[in-house]
Protein backbone atom coordinates (compact mmCIF):
# COMPACT_ATOMS: atom_id res chain seq x y z
CA MET A 1 98.76 -7.00 56.28
CA ILE A 2 99.70 -10.12 54.35
CA ARG A 3 98.41 -12.33 57.18
CA SER A 4 95.07 -10.51 57.14
CA LEU A 5 94.82 -10.87 53.38
CA SER A 6 95.78 -14.55 53.57
CA ALA A 7 93.17 -15.16 56.27
CA ALA A 8 90.50 -13.42 54.19
CA VAL A 9 91.38 -15.47 51.10
CA LEU A 10 91.36 -18.69 53.12
CA ALA A 11 88.00 -17.84 54.69
CA SER A 12 86.56 -17.06 51.25
CA ALA A 13 87.85 -20.36 49.90
CA VAL A 14 86.26 -22.28 52.77
CA VAL A 15 82.91 -20.54 52.26
CA ALA A 16 83.08 -21.06 48.50
CA HIS A 17 83.95 -24.74 48.98
CA SER A 18 81.01 -25.19 51.36
CA ALA A 19 78.64 -23.66 48.83
CA VAL A 20 79.99 -25.85 46.03
CA ALA A 21 79.91 -28.97 48.19
CA ALA A 22 76.25 -28.40 49.20
CA ASP A 23 73.84 -30.91 47.68
CA ALA A 24 70.27 -29.71 47.08
CA GLN A 25 69.04 -33.30 46.61
CA ARG A 26 70.29 -34.26 50.06
CA GLY A 27 68.74 -31.01 51.31
CA SER A 28 65.41 -32.06 49.79
CA ALA A 29 65.59 -35.37 51.65
CA LEU A 30 66.35 -33.49 54.89
CA ALA A 31 63.42 -31.14 54.27
CA ASN A 32 61.12 -34.12 53.76
CA GLN A 33 62.45 -35.74 56.92
CA TRP A 34 62.53 -32.75 59.28
CA CYS A 35 60.49 -29.88 57.83
CA ALA A 36 57.47 -31.42 56.12
CA ASN A 37 55.51 -31.96 59.34
CA CYS A 38 55.10 -28.21 59.83
CA HIS A 39 56.17 -26.42 56.63
CA VAL A 40 55.01 -26.68 53.04
CA ILE A 41 58.08 -27.88 51.17
CA GLY A 42 58.85 -27.71 47.47
CA THR A 43 55.98 -26.63 45.28
CA ASP A 44 53.46 -28.74 47.19
CA ALA A 45 50.22 -26.80 47.43
CA THR A 46 48.88 -28.79 50.37
CA ALA A 47 49.98 -27.54 53.75
CA PRO A 48 50.12 -29.50 56.98
CA ALA A 49 47.41 -28.32 59.35
CA SER A 50 49.90 -26.52 61.57
CA THR A 51 51.14 -24.38 58.66
CA GLN A 52 47.87 -22.49 58.59
CA GLN A 53 48.77 -21.15 62.04
CA GLY A 54 52.23 -19.91 61.44
CA PRO A 55 55.25 -21.69 59.98
CA PRO A 56 56.18 -20.17 56.61
CA THR A 57 56.50 -22.24 53.46
CA LEU A 58 60.07 -23.15 52.54
CA ARG A 59 59.54 -21.21 49.32
CA SER A 60 58.98 -18.04 51.40
CA VAL A 61 61.97 -18.92 53.59
CA ALA A 62 64.06 -18.96 50.38
CA ALA A 63 63.82 -15.16 50.36
CA MET A 64 66.00 -15.02 53.49
CA PRO A 65 69.70 -14.29 52.96
CA PRO A 66 71.64 -17.60 53.20
CA ASP A 67 73.75 -16.36 56.14
CA GLN A 68 70.64 -15.43 58.10
CA LEU A 69 69.06 -18.81 57.34
CA ARG A 70 72.28 -20.58 58.38
CA ALA A 71 72.33 -18.71 61.70
CA PHE A 72 68.70 -19.63 62.31
CA LEU A 73 69.29 -23.32 61.56
CA ILE A 74 72.33 -23.41 63.85
CA HIS A 75 70.40 -21.79 66.73
CA PRO A 76 66.65 -22.24 66.13
CA HIS A 77 64.20 -20.43 68.34
CA GLY A 78 60.49 -20.07 68.79
CA LYS A 79 58.41 -23.17 68.19
CA MET A 80 61.03 -24.74 65.93
CA PRO A 81 62.79 -27.74 67.49
CA ASP A 82 66.57 -27.94 67.74
CA LEU A 83 67.35 -30.39 64.96
CA SER A 84 71.08 -30.55 65.76
CA LEU A 85 71.98 -30.53 62.07
CA SER A 86 75.62 -30.83 61.01
CA ARG A 87 77.22 -28.02 59.01
CA SER A 88 77.05 -30.20 55.91
CA GLU A 89 73.34 -30.89 56.47
CA ILE A 90 72.68 -27.18 56.99
CA ASN A 91 74.51 -26.36 53.75
CA ASP A 92 72.51 -29.03 51.90
CA LEU A 93 69.24 -27.75 53.34
CA ILE A 94 70.12 -24.16 52.42
CA ALA A 95 71.01 -25.29 48.88
CA TYR A 96 67.62 -26.98 48.57
CA ILE A 97 65.70 -24.03 50.02
CA GLY A 98 67.62 -21.70 47.70
CA SER A 99 66.53 -23.81 44.73
CA LEU A 100 62.91 -22.97 45.54
CA LYS A 101 63.31 -19.29 44.60
């Protein structure tokens, strides 16, 4: 019982640390580097041509639960390329996308 509780506390601490360590500014730079070719990022009203055919704006992606977004970024599917982002980069990107709510 104590081991289970200790494991749960440790896991919570790791998740909390990841959320605190995430940097939305670095996430913004990643979004500009990797996402801007297909998605509208930030509050930019002008969409790349391909956005009109499908990819959601990052502002609409911000409505996704962070865990669901993390899973999608780890294992993208559909027309989205595999960006091979590190965990830190994913956390930063999620922090930035979350700031768009």
